[in-house]
Protein backbone atom coordinates (compact mmCIF):
# COMPACT_ATOMS: atom_id res chain seq x y z
CA ILE A 1 88.59 148.22 1.60
CA ASN A 2 87.22 150.17 -1.14
CA ILE A 3 87.85 148.64 -4.41
CA GLY A 4 86.41 149.99 -7.92
CA THR A 5 85.73 153.64 -7.08
CA ASN A 6 88.19 155.09 -9.58
CA ASP A 7 87.84 152.24 -12.22
CA ILE A 8 85.28 152.08 -14.96
CA TRP A 9 82.88 149.73 -14.69
CA THR A 10 79.54 150.78 -16.54
CA GLU A 11 78.53 149.27 -20.02
CA GLU A 12 79.42 152.18 -21.86
CA ASP A 13 82.77 152.44 -21.13
CA LYS A 14 83.65 148.70 -21.59
CA GLY A 15 86.13 148.99 -24.67
CA PRO A 16 87.86 145.98 -26.31
CA ASN A 17 90.32 146.18 -23.29
CA LYS A 18 88.24 147.05 -20.48
CA ALA A 19 85.59 144.05 -20.25
CA PHE A 20 84.61 143.39 -16.82
CA ASP A 21 84.73 140.23 -15.80
CA ALA A 22 82.70 139.63 -12.35
CA ASP A 23 84.18 136.21 -11.96
CA VAL A 24 87.50 137.40 -12.10
CA PHE A 25 86.88 140.68 -10.15
CA ARG A 26 85.05 138.54 -7.20
CA GLN A 27 87.90 135.83 -7.17
CA SER A 28 90.59 138.57 -7.11
CA TYR A 29 89.07 140.57 -4.34
CA VAL A 30 88.69 136.86 -2.17
CA ASP A 31 92.28 135.75 -3.08
CA MET A 32 93.27 139.70 -1.85
CA VAL A 33 91.50 139.54 1.17
CA LYS A 34 92.09 136.09 2.10
CA GLU A 35 96.03 136.85 1.83
CA LEU A 36 95.71 140.01 4.17
CA HIS A 37 93.82 137.44 6.46
CA ARG A 38 96.66 135.32 6.44
CA LEU A 39 99.19 138.11 6.65
CA TRP A 40 97.32 139.92 9.62
CA GLY A 41 96.27 137.15 11.53
CA GLU A 42 92.51 135.67 12.32
CA ASP A 43 91.44 138.24 14.46
CA THR A 44 91.26 140.46 11.60
CA VAL A 45 88.49 142.51 10.63
CA PHE A 46 87.75 143.34 6.90
CA VAL A 47 85.12 146.45 6.37
CA LEU A 48 84.58 145.92 2.41
CA CYS A 49 82.78 149.34 1.55
CA THR A 50 80.21 149.47 -1.46
CA SER A 51 81.05 150.96 -4.50
CA MET A 52 81.77 155.00 -3.85
CA LEU A 53 80.62 156.39 -7.29
CA ALA A 54 77.96 153.71 -8.80
CA ASP A 55 76.12 150.99 -7.33
CA ASP A 56 76.97 148.48 -9.87
CA LEU A 57 79.50 146.82 -8.13
CA ASP A 58 77.36 146.32 -5.07
CA GLU A 59 76.07 142.71 -5.80
CA HIS A 60 79.76 141.46 -6.26
CA ILE A 61 81.03 142.68 -3.20
CA ILE A 62 78.08 141.60 -1.02
CA ALA A 63 79.02 138.19 -2.80
CA VAL A 64 82.83 138.35 -1.94
CA ALA A 65 81.92 139.06 1.88
CA ASP A 66 79.51 136.02 1.76
CA GLU A 67 82.29 133.89 0.46
CA LEU A 68 84.75 135.08 2.77
CA CYS A 69 82.35 134.80 5.69
CA GLY A 70 81.64 130.99 4.74
CA MET A 71 85.89 130.62 5.17
CA ASP A 72 85.76 132.20 8.32
CA VAL A 73 87.01 135.31 7.34
CA ASN A 74 85.44 138.16 9.14
CA ALA A 75 84.09 140.18 6.44
CA HIS A 76 81.45 142.86 6.77
CA VAL A 77 79.87 145.40 4.01
CA VAL A 78 79.14 149.06 4.70
CA ASP A 79 77.18 150.77 2.23
CA LEU A 80 78.36 154.37 1.66
CA PRO A 81 75.38 156.00 -0.26
CA MET A 82 76.21 159.62 0.52
CA PHE A 83 79.10 159.12 -2.04
CA ARG A 84 76.50 158.21 -4.80
CA LYS A 85 75.65 161.68 -5.99
CA GLY A 86 77.77 161.61 -9.02
CA GLY A 87 81.22 162.96 -9.20
CA HIS A 88 83.59 163.18 -6.50
CA PRO A 89 82.26 163.48 -2.87
CA ASP A 90 82.24 166.70 -1.13
CA TYR A 91 83.55 167.66 2.29
CA LYS A 92 80.32 166.99 4.06
CA ALA A 93 80.00 163.46 2.27
CA HIS A 94 83.50 162.58 3.63
CA PHE A 95 82.40 163.48 7.07
CA GLU A 96 79.01 161.72 6.44
CA ALA A 97 81.34 158.46 5.58
CA ALA A 98 83.85 158.61 8.64
CA ASP A 99 80.53 158.49 10.95
CA VAL A 100 79.21 155.33 8.93
CA LEU A 101 82.42 153.72 9.37
CA LYS A 102 82.99 154.48 12.74
CA SER A 103 79.54 153.35 13.69
CA ALA A 104 79.81 149.89 11.65
CA ILE A 105 83.46 149.40 13.27
CA ILE A 106 82.20 150.19 16.52
CA ASP A 107 79.09 147.65 16.05
CA THR A 108 81.32 144.98 14.28
CA LEU A 109 83.91 145.03 17.00
CA GLY A 110 81.43 145.35 19.89
CA LEU A 111 82.93 148.20 21.34
CA ASP A 112 81.91 150.12 24.69
CA VAL A 113 82.39 153.72 23.59
CA SER A 114 79.94 155.37 25.96
CA ASP A 115 82.68 157.03 27.95
CA ALA A 116 84.60 158.05 25.09
CA GLU A 117 84.35 161.80 24.35
C-alpha cells in the first residue's frame, strides 16, 4: 500500500484547506487497513511502502504499521529510497523498487524460492 505519494504534505504547500493532520492521517490509514483485513481475512499480509517522493510521512507510516501489529494485523513497512531522487521515478527506479518489494514479500511470507527461475 502506498499512500501519500501524489499528495502534497510539505510545509510550504499547506494552504488554508491543505493542513496535514497526522492523527487524521494515521487513524484513516489504520481504519482502511483494518477494513481490508476484515474483508480479505486474517491471513492477509499488508506491506506499507514509505512515501515515494519525500520522507516526511515515513514516521507516520511506521506508526501505522506498529499500531496495526498491536491489533494482530500482519503489517510490514518497506522503504523505497530509490524513489526519493526528486520528481517521478525513472525506468530503472521502478525495477529497483520491484526487486525490493519482491524480496520483502518473499521474506515476510517465508517463501522458498530456491527452485524458482
